[in-house]
Amino acid sequence: MQDLINEFLGPILGYTIEKYDNVVVTKLLNYVNNDLLESHLATQYVKARYTIKLPIEFTPLLRYLEDVVPAGGKGETEEESLMGAIGEFLERFYGYSIFFDDNTSIFGRVGELKEQFNVLPTRYKFFSKEQIRKFFFFKDYSNDTFVTFTKAISYKDNKTIYVPSQIVYLTDLIRPGENLIAYSTTGGLSYHEDFEKAFLHSLLEYLERDAINISWISRISPLKIQISEKLKRKFKVLENKDVVCLRFINEFKGLFVIGCLGFVNGFYVGGAAADITVEDALRRAIYEVYQSISSFSKVSDEEIKLAKKLNQDLLVDFGLVPLYYTYVKREFLMDYLNNLNTVSYEELEREESLTYKALIEELLNHGYDIIYKDFNVEKYVDKGKLIRVIIPDLTPAHAPYLPFLGYERYYSIRKIMGLKEVKLLTDEPVPFP
């Protein structure tokens, strides 16, 4: 472990450490420089054009974003926190660069490729029809689109399935003639010292994002957790009356998806996590709150003036969401939180919990295919695994202004849970960056 730390924290990568109560937050000072990798553009790839640029008057907010998105880690010890930061760096560095070294990829018209290969079925839709009309640079994933696929594995039967590279790698590069059908985020991508830990962390992250997405967009209200005094003494941020923790409702009994969000010193902070015990999910969510405090609370007067002018269409980065809910939609978010039903932490502790094996079995029994991509980064760093998990029927992480509203799950989940149909809530961004 120390060898890995020494390898990445040499003269190139510096880091800072901050302590909050008994939580240590580490941030790497230098981030992935994708410009170094774009020599490939002149040969095999072109840059996909879907990013909406901020108007020039918002340039200071771009400088703000440069300060809030370094690779970060958190833990109860400095080594644990430091390893988390290095792991996140590796996720994003290799999540991008391995794309150029993929000898498993295939490219062509989907309808023709699926006659020879097991490709992701075209029944999966990333965007709604209304979105495709608005964001004309995206195309419907269909037999007529031209797509690059990468080899992945179905967890249930260990068979090969080809998944669009656009949702696997952290790149906005496509082949000449390729249609833009989706985009990738870091959700469900994890680096750890072995396959099992990387796979489980990726799986839990995917389940977390799904539960939060359907809660917000399909209007399945979470429960506000009444926190015990013991927990408040351990994590003093919970003593703040403007910070609340939520239990998100999902269809997997024994899975706890917990989010903590609110306002510290007037600034929005938030974090979320999923795990098989409420204690572990809450602890990890609070870790993210502290990381949020560390990353998102240093704003200049000039940036505040610009943040007050933000709207949904300008939220081109996750880092702008805290600014939006701090300076534009604070009252809206507070009203939402104040109208939630409550549940005590002790009640959640008494709920039946699962093993990780049982959680995977429950997912498979529900008919959900778990697909994973092993990036094989150990040939570059000697140890560790980088794994991407995708569960096609569940909803992935998405950029604030480009939600994947084509997923059937948004429209069917309320019926699955025995709830009546309602108008979906899509006007405001999911308040969990």
Protein backbone atom coordinates (compact mmCIF):
# COMPACT_ATOMS: atom_id res chain seq x y z
CA MET A 1 0.00 0.00 0.00
CA GLN A 2 2.81 2.40 0.89
CA ASP A 3 4.48 1.65 -2.46
CA LEU A 4 1.33 2.81 -4.24
CA ILE A 5 1.26 6.01 -2.20
CA ASN A 6 4.90 6.72 -3.00
CA GLU A 7 4.36 6.00 -6.71
CA PHE A 8 1.62 8.59 -7.14
CA LEU A 9 2.57 11.22 -4.58
CA GLY A 10 5.96 12.12 -5.93
CA PRO A 11 6.95 15.48 -7.38
CA ILE A 12 3.94 15.51 -9.75
CA LEU A 13 1.05 15.05 -7.33
CA GLY A 14 0.87 17.05 -4.14
CA TYR A 15 -1.94 16.77 -1.62
CA THR A 16 -3.60 18.53 1.30
CA ILE A 17 -5.18 16.99 4.39
CA GLU A 18 -8.01 18.51 6.42
CA LYS A 19 -9.64 17.11 9.54
CA TYR A 20 -13.31 17.40 10.51
CA ASP A 21 -14.20 15.81 13.86
CA ASN A 22 -12.85 12.26 13.45
CA VAL A 23 -12.92 12.32 9.63
CA VAL A 24 -9.85 13.01 7.48
CA VAL A 25 -10.31 14.50 3.99
CA THR A 26 -7.46 14.38 1.44
CA LYS A 27 -7.35 16.26 -1.86
CA LEU A 28 -4.79 15.75 -4.59
CA LEU A 29 -3.66 19.13 -5.90
CA ASN A 30 -3.05 18.13 -9.51
CA TYR A 31 -5.74 16.50 -11.55
CA VAL A 32 -5.93 14.49 -14.74
CA ASN A 33 -4.72 16.55 -17.69
CA ASN A 34 -6.71 15.13 -20.57
CA ASP A 35 -4.97 17.45 -23.02
CA LEU A 36 -1.89 15.23 -22.75
CA LEU A 37 -3.88 12.33 -24.14
CA GLU A 38 -5.41 14.02 -27.15
CA SER A 39 -2.65 13.20 -29.62
CA HIS A 40 -4.98 10.37 -30.57
CA LEU A 41 -7.43 12.90 -31.99
CA ALA A 42 -5.40 13.27 -35.16
CA THR A 43 -5.68 9.58 -35.91
CA GLN A 44 -8.62 7.49 -34.72
CA TYR A 45 -10.99 9.76 -32.79
CA VAL A 46 -12.93 13.03 -32.85
CA LYS A 47 -14.27 15.06 -29.96
CA ALA A 48 -17.99 14.66 -29.32
CA ARG A 49 -19.76 18.01 -29.27
CA TYR A 50 -22.43 17.98 -26.61
CA THR A 51 -21.05 20.13 -23.82
CA ILE A 52 -22.95 23.38 -23.41
CA LYS A 53 -20.46 26.12 -22.68
CA LEU A 54 -21.14 28.70 -20.01
CA PRO A 55 -21.60 32.24 -21.32
CA ILE A 56 -18.39 34.23 -21.13
CA GLU A 57 -19.66 36.28 -18.18
CA PHE A 58 -19.57 33.08 -16.08
CA THR A 59 -15.85 32.49 -16.66
CA PRO A 60 -15.04 33.03 -12.95
CA LEU A 61 -17.24 30.04 -12.12
CA LEU A 62 -15.05 27.90 -14.37
CA ARG A 63 -12.09 28.98 -12.27
CA TYR A 64 -14.11 28.05 -9.19
CA LEU A 65 -14.72 24.58 -10.61
CA GLU A 66 -11.00 24.07 -11.15
CA ASP A 67 -10.58 24.38 -7.38
CA VAL A 68 -13.37 22.00 -6.34
CA VAL A 69 -12.86 18.89 -8.44
CA PRO A 70 -9.48 17.46 -7.46
CA ALA A 71 -9.40 13.76 -6.69
CA GLY A 72 -10.43 13.38 -3.06
CA GLY A 73 -10.57 10.73 -0.37
CA LYS A 74 -11.93 10.43 3.15
CA GLY A 75 -11.52 8.09 6.09
CA GLU A 76 -10.84 7.78 9.80
CA THR A 77 -7.05 7.72 9.30
CA GLU A 78 -4.73 9.73 7.09
CA GLU A 79 -3.60 6.61 5.21
CA GLU A 80 -7.20 5.51 4.51
CA SER A 81 -8.08 9.00 3.32
CA LEU A 82 -4.95 9.27 1.18
CA MET A 83 -5.58 5.90 -0.45
CA GLY A 84 -9.13 7.01 -1.25
CA ALA A 85 -7.80 10.09 -3.03
CA ILE A 86 -5.29 8.04 -5.01
CA GLY A 87 -8.01 5.54 -5.88
CA GLU A 88 -10.24 8.30 -7.21
CA PHE A 89 -7.35 9.68 -9.25
CA LEU A 90 -6.74 6.23 -10.75
CA GLU A 91 -10.45 5.81 -11.51
CA ARG A 92 -10.49 8.99 -13.53
CA PHE A 93 -7.07 8.74 -15.10
CA TYR A 94 -7.42 5.14 -16.26
CA GLY A 95 -11.15 5.56 -16.81
CA TYR A 96 -10.07 7.88 -19.61
CA SER A 97 -6.73 6.57 -20.86
CA ILE A 98 -7.55 2.83 -21.07
CA PHE A 99 -10.00 3.76 -23.82
CA PHE A 100 -7.04 4.15 -26.19
CA ASP A 101 -5.69 0.71 -25.27
CA ASP A 102 -8.92 -1.26 -25.75
CA ASN A 103 -8.26 -4.23 -28.05
CA THR A 104 -11.75 -5.65 -27.40
CA SER A 105 -13.71 -2.90 -29.12
CA ILE A 106 -15.95 -3.36 -32.14
CA PHE A 107 -17.49 -0.63 -34.28
CA GLY A 108 -20.33 -0.53 -36.74
CA ARG A 109 -24.06 -0.25 -37.34
CA VAL A 110 -25.87 -1.72 -34.35
CA GLY A 111 -28.34 -3.76 -36.39
CA GLU A 112 -25.49 -5.49 -38.21
CA LEU A 113 -23.25 -5.98 -35.17
CA LYS A 114 -25.97 -7.69 -33.15
CA GLU A 115 -26.18 -10.43 -35.77
CA GLN A 116 -22.63 -11.47 -34.82
CA PHE A 117 -22.19 -10.26 -31.25
CA ASN A 118 -24.19 -10.08 -28.03
CA VAL A 119 -24.56 -6.30 -27.85
CA LEU A 120 -26.60 -4.31 -25.34
CA PRO A 121 -30.24 -4.58 -26.51
CA THR A 122 -31.67 -1.49 -28.18
CA ARG A 123 -34.74 -1.55 -25.93
CA TYR A 124 -32.60 0.49 -23.52
CA LYS A 125 -33.11 4.19 -24.14
CA PHE A 126 -30.80 6.78 -22.65
CA PHE A 127 -32.85 9.86 -23.47
CA SER A 128 -36.53 10.60 -23.81
CA LYS A 129 -37.86 11.63 -27.22
CA GLU A 130 -38.35 15.18 -25.93
CA GLN A 131 -34.71 15.38 -24.88
CA ILE A 132 -33.42 14.11 -28.20
CA ARG A 133 -35.42 16.85 -29.94
CA LYS A 134 -33.87 19.43 -27.60
CA PHE A 135 -30.37 17.99 -27.56
CA PHE A 136 -30.14 17.22 -31.26
CA PHE A 137 -26.51 16.10 -30.99
CA PHE A 138 -27.69 12.85 -29.34
CA LYS A 139 -29.24 10.05 -31.38
CA ASP A 140 -31.65 7.36 -30.27
CA TYR A 141 -29.87 4.08 -29.51
CA SER A 142 -31.32 1.92 -32.28
CA ASN A 143 -30.42 -0.53 -35.05
CA ASP A 144 -29.55 2.38 -37.33
CA THR A 145 -26.96 4.06 -35.13
CA PHE A 146 -23.21 3.54 -35.51
CA VAL A 147 -21.59 2.81 -32.16
CA THR A 148 -18.31 1.60 -30.67
CA PHE A 149 -18.76 -1.25 -28.19
CA THR A 150 -16.38 -2.67 -25.62
CA LYS A 151 -16.28 -6.19 -24.24
CA ALA A 152 -17.80 -6.67 -20.78
CA ILE A 153 -19.03 -9.60 -18.70
CA SER A 154 -22.50 -10.55 -17.48
CA TYR A 155 -22.08 -11.41 -13.79
CA LYS A 156 -24.89 -13.98 -13.75
CA ASP A 157 -23.57 -16.38 -16.38
CA ASN A 158 -20.04 -15.07 -17.02
CA LYS A 159 -20.88 -14.54 -20.69
CA THR A 160 -19.53 -11.76 -22.90
CA ILE A 161 -21.75 -8.79 -23.65
CA TYR A 162 -20.71 -5.73 -25.65
CA VAL A 163 -21.64 -2.38 -24.10
CA PRO A 164 -21.38 1.06 -25.77
CA SER A 165 -17.98 2.53 -24.96
CA GLN A 166 -19.67 5.88 -24.49
CA ILE A 167 -21.15 4.76 -21.16
CA VAL A 168 -18.07 2.85 -19.99
CA TYR A 169 -15.08 5.16 -20.46
CA LEU A 170 -14.74 8.69 -19.04
CA THR A 171 -14.11 10.27 -22.41
CA ASP A 172 -15.94 12.48 -24.86
CA LEU A 173 -14.10 10.97 -27.84
CA ILE A 174 -15.85 8.95 -30.56
CA ARG A 175 -14.77 7.43 -33.87
CA PRO A 176 -15.36 9.31 -37.13
CA GLY A 177 -18.90 8.43 -38.25
CA GLU A 178 -19.98 7.27 -34.79
CA ASN A 179 -23.31 8.55 -33.46
CA LEU A 180 -23.43 10.16 -30.04
CA ILE A 181 -25.98 8.11 -28.04
CA ALA A 182 -25.00 8.78 -24.40
CA TYR A 183 -22.22 9.96 -22.12
CA SER A 184 -20.33 8.55 -19.16
CA THR A 185 -19.94 9.63 -15.54
CA THR A 186 -17.91 8.19 -12.66
CA GLY A 187 -20.95 6.49 -11.08
CA GLY A 188 -20.35 2.73 -10.83
CA LEU A 189 -16.59 3.04 -11.46
CA SER A 190 -14.26 2.03 -8.64
CA TYR A 191 -10.61 1.27 -7.96
CA HIS A 192 -9.65 -1.00 -5.04
CA GLU A 193 -6.90 -3.42 -4.12
CA ASP A 194 -8.81 -6.50 -5.31
CA PHE A 195 -11.69 -7.45 -7.60
CA GLU A 196 -14.25 -8.13 -4.88
CA LYS A 197 -13.88 -4.74 -3.18
CA ALA A 198 -13.83 -2.85 -6.49
CA PHE A 199 -16.88 -4.75 -7.77
CA LEU A 200 -18.92 -4.29 -4.58
CA HIS A 201 -18.09 -0.59 -4.27
CA SER A 202 -19.06 -0.04 -7.92
CA LEU A 203 -22.29 -1.99 -7.44
CA LEU A 204 -23.27 -0.06 -4.30
CA GLU A 205 -22.53 3.25 -6.00
CA TYR A 206 -24.78 2.32 -8.92
CA LEU A 207 -27.60 1.29 -6.55
CA GLU A 208 -27.18 4.51 -4.57
CA ARG A 209 -27.54 6.68 -7.64
CA ASP A 210 -30.54 4.71 -8.88
CA ALA A 211 -32.39 5.12 -5.57
CA ILE A 212 -31.67 8.86 -5.47
CA ASN A 213 -32.66 9.38 -9.11
CA ILE A 214 -36.01 7.61 -8.81
CA SER A 215 -36.70 9.35 -5.49
CA TRP A 216 -36.27 12.78 -7.05
CA ILE A 217 -37.52 12.29 -10.59
CA SER A 218 -40.25 9.71 -9.93
CA ARG A 219 -41.28 11.51 -6.73
CA ILE A 220 -40.80 8.67 -4.25
CA SER A 221 -40.31 10.66 -1.08
CA PRO A 222 -37.48 9.63 1.24
CA LEU A 223 -37.85 9.51 5.03
CA LYS A 224 -36.11 12.06 7.24
CA ILE A 225 -34.03 10.26 9.86
CA GLN A 226 -34.23 11.28 13.50
CA ILE A 227 -30.58 11.13 14.52
CA SER A 228 -29.60 9.90 17.98
CA GLU A 229 -27.57 12.11 20.34
CA LYS A 230 -24.80 9.52 20.28
CA LEU A 231 -24.36 9.96 16.52
CA LYS A 232 -24.46 13.74 16.83
CA ARG A 233 -21.60 13.58 19.33
CA LYS A 234 -19.60 11.42 16.92
CA PHE A 235 -20.35 13.50 13.81
CA LYS A 236 -20.84 17.05 15.02
CA VAL A 237 -22.04 18.27 11.63
CA LEU A 238 -25.32 16.50 12.46
CA GLU A 239 -25.86 18.91 15.37
CA ASN A 240 -26.54 21.58 12.75
CA LYS A 241 -30.33 21.97 12.51
CA ASP A 242 -30.02 22.78 8.80
CA VAL A 243 -28.42 19.41 7.99
CA VAL A 244 -30.74 16.41 7.62
CA CYS A 245 -30.22 12.76 6.76
CA LEU A 246 -32.61 10.85 4.53
CA ARG A 247 -33.42 7.20 3.94
CA PHE A 248 -34.23 6.66 0.27
CA ILE A 249 -36.90 4.10 -0.53
CA ASN A 250 -35.93 1.36 -2.99
CA GLU A 251 -37.18 -2.07 -4.00
CA PHE A 252 -34.31 -4.08 -2.51
CA LYS A 253 -35.11 -5.06 1.05
CA GLY A 254 -32.05 -4.83 3.23
CA LEU A 255 -30.31 -2.21 1.11
CA PHE A 256 -29.83 1.11 2.89
CA VAL A 257 -29.41 4.20 0.72
CA ILE A 258 -28.71 7.21 2.93
CA GLY A 259 -28.19 10.83 1.97
CA CYS A 260 -27.22 13.75 4.19
CA LEU A 261 -27.65 17.29 2.96
CA GLY A 262 -28.37 20.80 4.09
CA PHE A 263 -26.57 24.03 4.84
CA VAL A 264 -23.39 24.65 6.82
CA ASN A 265 -22.52 28.32 7.33
CA GLY A 266 -25.24 29.07 4.80
CA PHE A 267 -23.69 26.96 2.04
CA TYR A 268 -25.24 23.80 0.61
CA VAL A 269 -23.40 20.55 1.33
CA GLY A 270 -24.40 16.97 0.62
CA GLY A 271 -23.37 13.36 0.31
CA ALA A 272 -24.87 9.91 -0.10
CA ALA A 273 -23.97 6.24 0.12
CA ALA A 274 -25.49 2.78 -0.09
CA ASP A 275 -24.62 -0.27 1.99
CA ILE A 276 -26.11 -3.35 3.64
CA THR A 277 -26.22 -1.75 7.11
CA VAL A 278 -27.62 1.65 7.99
CA GLU A 279 -24.54 2.36 10.10
CA ASP A 280 -22.11 1.93 7.19
CA ALA A 281 -24.32 3.80 4.72
CA LEU A 282 -24.78 6.74 7.10
CA ARG A 283 -21.11 6.88 8.00
CA ARG A 284 -20.03 7.01 4.36
CA ALA A 285 -22.68 9.61 3.52
CA ILE A 286 -21.38 11.82 6.34
CA TYR A 287 -17.84 11.37 5.05
CA GLU A 288 -19.04 12.84 1.75
CA VAL A 289 -20.65 15.76 3.59
CA TYR A 290 -17.30 16.61 5.13
CA GLN A 291 -15.65 16.30 1.71
CA SER A 292 -18.35 18.61 0.37
CA ILE A 293 -17.58 21.15 3.09
CA SER A 294 -13.90 20.95 2.18
CA SER A 295 -14.44 21.30 -1.57
CA PHE A 296 -17.47 23.52 -2.11
CA SER A 297 -17.52 26.19 0.57
CA LYS A 298 -14.76 28.56 -0.59
CA VAL A 299 -16.55 31.08 -2.79
CA SER A 300 -15.54 34.66 -3.58
CA ASP A 301 -17.93 37.62 -3.69
CA GLU A 302 -17.62 37.75 -7.49
CA GLU A 303 -18.55 34.07 -7.76
CA ILE A 304 -21.54 34.57 -5.46
CA LYS A 305 -22.91 37.32 -7.70
CA LEU A 306 -22.68 35.00 -10.71
CA ALA A 307 -24.05 32.00 -8.82
CA LYS A 308 -27.26 33.93 -8.14
CA LYS A 309 -27.81 34.08 -11.92
CA LEU A 310 -27.59 30.30 -12.45
CA ASN A 311 -30.46 28.32 -13.91
CA GLN A 312 -30.96 24.64 -14.80
CA ASP A 313 -29.58 25.01 -18.33
CA LEU A 314 -26.31 26.45 -17.02
CA LEU A 315 -25.53 23.56 -14.66
CA VAL A 316 -22.89 22.06 -16.93
CA ASP A 317 -20.92 20.57 -14.05
CA PHE A 318 -21.76 18.76 -10.82
CA GLY A 319 -19.83 21.40 -8.91
CA LEU A 320 -22.35 24.10 -9.84
CA VAL A 321 -25.24 22.30 -8.15
CA PRO A 322 -24.20 23.36 -4.61
CA LEU A 323 -23.99 26.98 -5.80
CA TYR A 324 -27.43 26.67 -7.37
CA TYR A 325 -29.06 25.34 -4.20
CA THR A 326 -27.21 27.83 -2.02
CA TYR A 327 -27.99 31.02 -3.90
CA VAL A 328 -30.98 30.28 -6.16
CA LYS A 329 -33.16 27.47 -4.79
CA ARG A 330 -32.46 27.30 -1.06
CA GLU A 331 -36.08 27.93 -0.02
CA PHE A 332 -37.35 25.36 -2.52
CA LEU A 333 -35.03 22.70 -1.09
CA MET A 334 -35.82 23.60 2.53
CA ASP A 335 -39.57 23.38 1.85
CA TYR A 336 -39.05 19.96 0.30
CA LEU A 337 -37.10 18.69 3.32
CA ASN A 338 -39.52 20.17 5.86
CA ASN A 339 -42.47 18.26 4.36
CA LEU A 340 -40.97 14.77 4.59
CA ASN A 341 -42.16 12.06 6.97
CA THR A 342 -39.70 10.87 9.60
CA VAL A 343 -38.21 7.60 10.84
CA SER A 344 -35.89 7.08 13.80
CA TYR A 345 -32.37 5.79 13.36
CA GLU A 346 -33.15 3.05 15.88
CA GLU A 347 -36.01 1.81 13.68
CA LEU A 348 -33.65 1.50 10.72
CA GLU A 349 -31.15 -0.39 12.86
CA ARG A 350 -33.84 -2.98 13.62
CA GLU A 351 -34.54 -3.63 9.95
CA GLU A 352 -33.31 -6.88 8.49
CA SER A 353 -29.97 -6.51 6.74
CA LEU A 354 -28.42 -8.50 3.90
CA THR A 355 -25.07 -9.99 3.10
CA TYR A 356 -23.42 -8.70 -0.07
CA LYS A 357 -23.97 -12.11 -1.64
CA ALA A 358 -27.69 -11.96 -0.79
CA LEU A 359 -27.93 -8.44 -2.25
CA ILE A 360 -26.48 -9.64 -5.54
CA GLU A 361 -28.86 -12.62 -5.55
CA GLU A 362 -31.81 -10.31 -4.91
CA LEU A 363 -30.85 -8.13 -7.85
CA LEU A 364 -30.58 -11.16 -10.12
CA ASN A 365 -33.87 -12.56 -8.82
CA HIS A 366 -35.55 -9.26 -9.72
CA GLY A 367 -34.38 -9.89 -13.28
CA TYR A 368 -31.64 -7.24 -13.33
CA ASP A 369 -28.52 -8.10 -15.29
CA ILE A 370 -25.30 -6.99 -13.60
CA ILE A 371 -22.62 -6.22 -16.19
CA TYR A 372 -19.04 -5.40 -15.32
CA LYS A 373 -15.97 -4.25 -17.20
CA ASP A 374 -12.53 -5.09 -15.81
CA PHE A 375 -10.08 -2.42 -17.00
CA ASN A 376 -7.06 -4.64 -16.19
CA VAL A 377 -5.06 -1.71 -14.81
CA GLU A 378 -2.80 -4.00 -12.79
CA LYS A 379 -0.57 -4.26 -15.86
CA TYR A 380 0.14 -0.54 -15.35
CA VAL A 381 0.16 -0.18 -11.54
CA ASP A 382 1.15 -3.76 -10.54
CA LYS A 383 -1.74 -4.12 -8.12
CA GLY A 384 -5.39 -3.23 -7.72
CA LYS A 385 -8.53 -3.48 -9.84
CA LEU A 386 -10.54 -0.86 -11.69
CA ILE A 387 -14.09 -2.10 -12.30
CA ARG A 388 -17.07 -0.49 -14.00
CA VAL A 389 -20.49 -1.88 -13.05
CA ILE A 390 -23.56 -1.24 -15.22
CA ILE A 391 -27.08 -2.47 -14.47
CA PRO A 392 -28.93 -1.52 -17.66
CA ASP A 393 -32.44 -1.47 -16.16
CA LEU A 394 -31.46 0.82 -13.30
CA THR A 395 -30.71 4.52 -13.70
CA PRO A 396 -27.07 5.69 -13.76
CA ALA A 397 -25.50 8.89 -12.50
CA HIS A 398 -26.07 11.79 -14.87
CA ALA A 399 -24.98 15.36 -15.41
CA PRO A 400 -27.36 17.92 -13.84
CA TYR A 401 -28.57 19.40 -17.11
CA LEU A 402 -28.59 16.14 -19.13
CA PRO A 403 -30.51 13.52 -17.11
CA PHE A 404 -31.04 10.14 -18.75
CA LEU A 405 -34.83 10.40 -18.82
CA GLY A 406 -35.24 7.69 -21.43
CA TYR A 407 -35.00 4.97 -18.78
CA GLU A 408 -38.28 3.04 -18.53
CA ARG A 409 -37.66 2.68 -14.79
CA TYR A 410 -38.59 6.31 -14.14
CA TYR A 411 -42.06 5.60 -15.48
CA SER A 412 -42.63 2.08 -14.10
CA ILE A 413 -41.06 2.17 -10.62
CA ARG A 414 -44.04 3.75 -8.87
CA LYS A 415 -46.27 0.95 -10.12
CA ILE A 416 -43.68 -1.64 -9.03
CA MET A 417 -43.80 -0.14 -5.53
CA GLY A 418 -47.60 0.02 -5.49
CA LEU A 419 -47.80 3.81 -5.77
CA LYS A 420 -50.24 5.78 -7.87
CA GLU A 421 -49.08 7.58 -11.00
CA VAL A 422 -47.96 11.20 -10.68
CA LYS A 423 -46.36 13.80 -12.89
CA LEU A 424 -42.61 13.27 -12.82
CA LEU A 425 -40.47 15.97 -11.20
CA THR A 426 -37.71 16.94 -13.61
CA ASP A 427 -37.55 20.73 -13.37
CA GLU A 428 -34.84 20.95 -10.73
CA PRO A 429 -31.53 19.05 -10.66
CA VAL A 430 -31.06 16.12 -8.29
CA PRO A 431 -29.57 17.80 -5.18
CA PHE A 432 -26.72 15.33 -4.78
CA PRO A 433 -23.62 16.21 -6.82
